[in-house]
Amino acid sequence: MIGIIFLSIFFFLVFYLLVAPLYLEIDSDRGFFRIRFHHLAMAKLGLTGGSLMLDMKIIGWSKQIDLMARNNPKNAIVKEKMQSSKSAGLPFRKWWMVMKTFRITTCDVSFDSGSMPLNGMLYPLIYGLGNLTRKHISVNFQNENRIVLVIQNNLARILWAFIISSITHNKNNRP
């Protein structure tokens, strides 16, 4: 009986990890770049007080690292000799199928090139791109650049795309 309970808890946790949303967020208004795995883990990169801060939170643990700090041996980058691998890497088809699993949930892009004539020439192109993608993409004439982008995915979709692309790739490469 206890084994069944532990097994069901284990399967529930694996299922939760597969379907929990993974977010990639870029927000120029608040000045951060964040990767968030539902409510379990988060890594945020942002500028605060003239320094680049990395804020990591995993369940109850949190850590802030100043990436611009000098004379800090904990933040020192250690260069290791990379071993050359003879593998071909990830084929384009697999990479493309995985990339198609990402969903843009929020897109608000507004930019100004600083040149009024260039903005005027780009306006119809960007307007058409916004209508084609059904996302808010615009050129403004107010010297304001902003981007708010939220991309969502989960591990189940990534694994499914990778498995399907592997099966179809192997079918095409059989002698």
Protein backbone atom coordinates (compact mmCIF):
# COMPACT_ATOMS: atom_id res chain seq x y z
CA MET A 1 0.00 0.00 0.00
CA ILE A 2 2.81 2.42 0.88
CA GLY A 3 4.60 1.47 -2.35
CA ILE A 4 1.52 2.38 -4.38
CA ILE A 5 1.31 5.76 -2.63
CA PHE A 6 4.99 6.53 -3.28
CA LEU A 7 4.66 5.36 -6.88
CA SER A 8 1.60 7.56 -7.46
CA ILE A 9 3.39 10.57 -5.88
CA PHE A 10 6.40 9.90 -8.11
CA PHE A 11 4.24 9.73 -11.27
CA PHE A 12 2.38 12.89 -10.22
CA LEU A 13 5.68 14.76 -9.79
CA VAL A 14 7.00 13.57 -13.16
CA PHE A 15 3.71 14.54 -14.82
CA TYR A 16 3.82 17.96 -13.14
CA LEU A 17 7.40 18.58 -14.29
CA LEU A 18 6.46 17.65 -17.85
CA VAL A 19 3.37 19.87 -18.13
CA ALA A 20 4.37 22.82 -15.90
CA PRO A 21 4.89 25.92 -18.02
CA LEU A 22 8.35 27.25 -18.77
CA TYR A 23 8.44 31.01 -19.43
CA LEU A 24 11.02 33.21 -21.13
CA GLU A 25 10.28 36.86 -20.35
CA ILE A 26 11.91 40.03 -21.68
CA ASP A 27 10.62 43.36 -20.35
CA SER A 28 12.40 46.61 -21.15
CA ASP A 29 9.93 48.65 -19.06
CA ARG A 30 11.00 46.90 -15.87
CA GLY A 31 14.52 46.20 -17.17
CA PHE A 32 14.88 42.44 -16.84
CA PHE A 33 15.33 39.18 -18.69
CA ARG A 34 13.85 36.21 -16.82
CA ILE A 35 13.53 32.47 -17.26
CA ARG A 36 10.86 30.97 -15.01
CA PHE A 37 9.76 27.35 -14.52
CA HIS A 38 6.24 27.79 -13.18
CA HIS A 39 6.58 28.60 -9.46
CA LEU A 40 9.47 26.23 -8.78
CA ALA A 41 12.50 28.03 -10.22
CA MET A 42 13.41 31.44 -11.63
CA ALA A 43 16.54 33.18 -12.89
CA LYS A 44 16.35 36.93 -13.52
CA LEU A 45 19.02 39.10 -15.12
CA GLY A 46 18.67 42.84 -14.61
CA LEU A 47 20.42 46.16 -14.11
CA THR A 48 20.21 47.64 -10.64
CA GLY A 49 22.25 50.59 -9.49
CA GLY A 50 24.70 50.41 -12.40
CA SER A 51 25.57 46.75 -11.91
CA LEU A 52 24.36 43.60 -13.63
CA MET A 53 22.60 41.35 -11.12
CA LEU A 54 21.63 37.70 -11.50
CA ASP A 55 18.83 36.74 -9.12
CA MET A 56 18.17 32.99 -8.79
CA LYS A 57 15.34 31.38 -6.84
CA ILE A 58 14.69 27.66 -6.59
CA ILE A 59 11.78 26.61 -4.36
CA GLY A 60 12.86 28.21 -1.04
CA TRP A 61 16.49 28.99 -1.86
CA SER A 62 17.54 32.32 -3.35
CA LYS A 63 20.86 33.88 -4.33
CA GLN A 64 21.87 37.20 -5.84
CA ILE A 65 25.13 37.48 -7.78
CA ASP A 66 26.64 40.75 -8.96
CA LEU A 67 28.11 39.89 -12.35
CA MET A 68 29.99 43.19 -12.59
CA ALA A 69 31.76 42.77 -9.23
CA ARG A 70 35.55 42.71 -9.35
CA ASN A 71 37.98 40.77 -7.18
CA ASN A 72 35.39 38.17 -6.30
CA PRO A 73 36.81 34.67 -6.76
CA LYS A 74 33.35 33.10 -6.63
CA ASN A 75 32.34 34.93 -9.82
CA ALA A 76 35.62 34.28 -11.64
CA ILE A 77 35.23 32.59 -14.97
CA VAL A 78 37.40 29.54 -15.29
CA LYS A 79 38.46 28.74 -18.82
CA GLU A 80 38.58 25.05 -19.48
CA LYS A 81 40.01 23.38 -22.51
CA MET A 82 37.17 22.17 -24.65
CA GLN A 83 37.48 18.72 -26.10
CA SER A 84 36.61 18.56 -29.75
CA SER A 85 33.69 16.37 -30.55
CA LYS A 86 33.23 14.72 -33.89
CA SER A 87 29.45 14.60 -33.71
CA ALA A 88 27.51 16.52 -36.31
CA GLY A 89 25.44 18.35 -33.70
CA LEU A 90 21.69 18.78 -33.72
CA PRO A 91 20.24 18.54 -37.25
CA PHE A 92 18.30 21.55 -38.48
CA ARG A 93 15.04 19.59 -38.74
CA LYS A 94 15.15 18.58 -35.06
CA TRP A 95 16.08 22.09 -34.03
CA TRP A 96 13.25 23.57 -36.10
CA MET A 97 10.62 21.17 -34.73
CA VAL A 98 11.64 22.00 -31.16
CA MET A 99 11.57 25.75 -31.91
CA LYS A 100 8.00 25.43 -33.28
CA THR A 101 6.79 24.23 -29.86
CA PHE A 102 7.41 27.66 -28.28
CA ARG A 103 4.33 29.90 -28.05
CA ILE A 104 4.46 33.70 -27.89
CA THR A 105 1.84 34.67 -25.32
CA THR A 106 2.64 38.40 -25.02
CA CYS A 107 4.32 40.53 -27.65
CA ASP A 108 4.50 44.31 -27.42
CA VAL A 109 7.32 45.73 -29.52
CA SER A 110 7.59 49.44 -30.25
CA PHE A 111 10.71 51.06 -31.63
CA ASP A 112 12.04 54.28 -33.11
CA SER A 113 15.10 54.33 -35.36
CA GLY A 114 15.83 57.97 -34.54
CA SER A 115 15.36 59.01 -38.17
CA MET A 116 11.95 60.35 -39.17
CA PRO A 117 12.29 59.37 -42.90
CA LEU A 118 13.48 55.83 -42.01
CA ASN A 119 10.59 55.43 -39.56
CA GLY A 120 8.22 56.53 -42.32
CA MET A 121 9.62 53.90 -44.71
CA LEU A 122 9.53 51.16 -42.07
CA TYR A 123 6.00 51.96 -40.88
CA PRO A 124 4.08 50.07 -43.65
CA LEU A 125 6.39 47.05 -43.39
CA ILE A 126 6.08 46.83 -39.60
CA TYR A 127 2.33 47.49 -39.75
CA GLY A 128 1.96 44.56 -42.19
CA LEU A 129 4.15 42.35 -40.00
CA GLY A 130 1.97 43.19 -36.99
CA ASN A 131 -1.19 42.30 -38.90
CA LEU A 132 0.34 39.10 -40.25
CA THR A 133 1.45 37.85 -36.82
CA ARG A 134 -1.52 39.37 -34.93
CA LYS A 135 0.92 40.77 -32.36
CA HIS A 136 1.48 44.38 -31.35
CA ILE A 137 4.55 45.45 -33.34
CA SER A 138 4.83 49.13 -34.18
CA VAL A 139 7.09 52.00 -35.17
CA ASN A 140 6.70 55.13 -33.11
CA PHE A 141 7.93 58.64 -33.77
CA GLN A 142 8.48 59.55 -30.12
CA ASN A 143 12.07 58.28 -29.61
CA GLU A 144 10.82 55.42 -27.44
CA ASN A 145 12.02 51.82 -27.70
CA ARG A 146 10.32 49.10 -25.72
CA ILE A 147 9.85 45.35 -25.80
CA VAL A 148 7.64 43.16 -23.66
CA LEU A 149 7.87 39.54 -24.78
CA VAL A 150 6.65 36.41 -23.01
CA ILE A 151 7.31 33.02 -24.59
CA GLN A 152 5.82 29.85 -23.09
CA ASN A 153 6.60 26.16 -23.48
CA ASN A 154 6.74 22.99 -21.40
CA LEU A 155 9.04 20.00 -21.26
CA ALA A 156 6.42 17.59 -22.64
CA ARG A 157 6.10 19.53 -25.93
CA ILE A 158 9.88 19.82 -26.28
CA LEU A 159 10.42 16.10 -25.66
CA TRP A 160 7.56 15.14 -28.00
CA ALA A 161 8.97 17.28 -30.82
CA PHE A 162 12.44 15.88 -30.26
CA ILE A 163 11.18 12.27 -30.29
CA ILE A 164 9.03 12.78 -33.41
CA SER A 165 11.86 14.52 -35.25
CA SER A 166 14.24 11.72 -34.26
CA ILE A 167 11.85 9.08 -35.58
CA THR A 168 11.27 10.88 -38.86
CA HIS A 169 14.98 11.70 -39.19
CA ASN A 170 15.92 8.03 -38.70
CA LYS A 171 13.29 6.89 -41.26
CA ASN A 172 14.77 9.25 -43.85
CA ASN A 173 18.37 8.17 -43.19
CA ARG A 174 17.89 4.39 -43.40
CA PRO A 175 19.88 2.71 -46.17
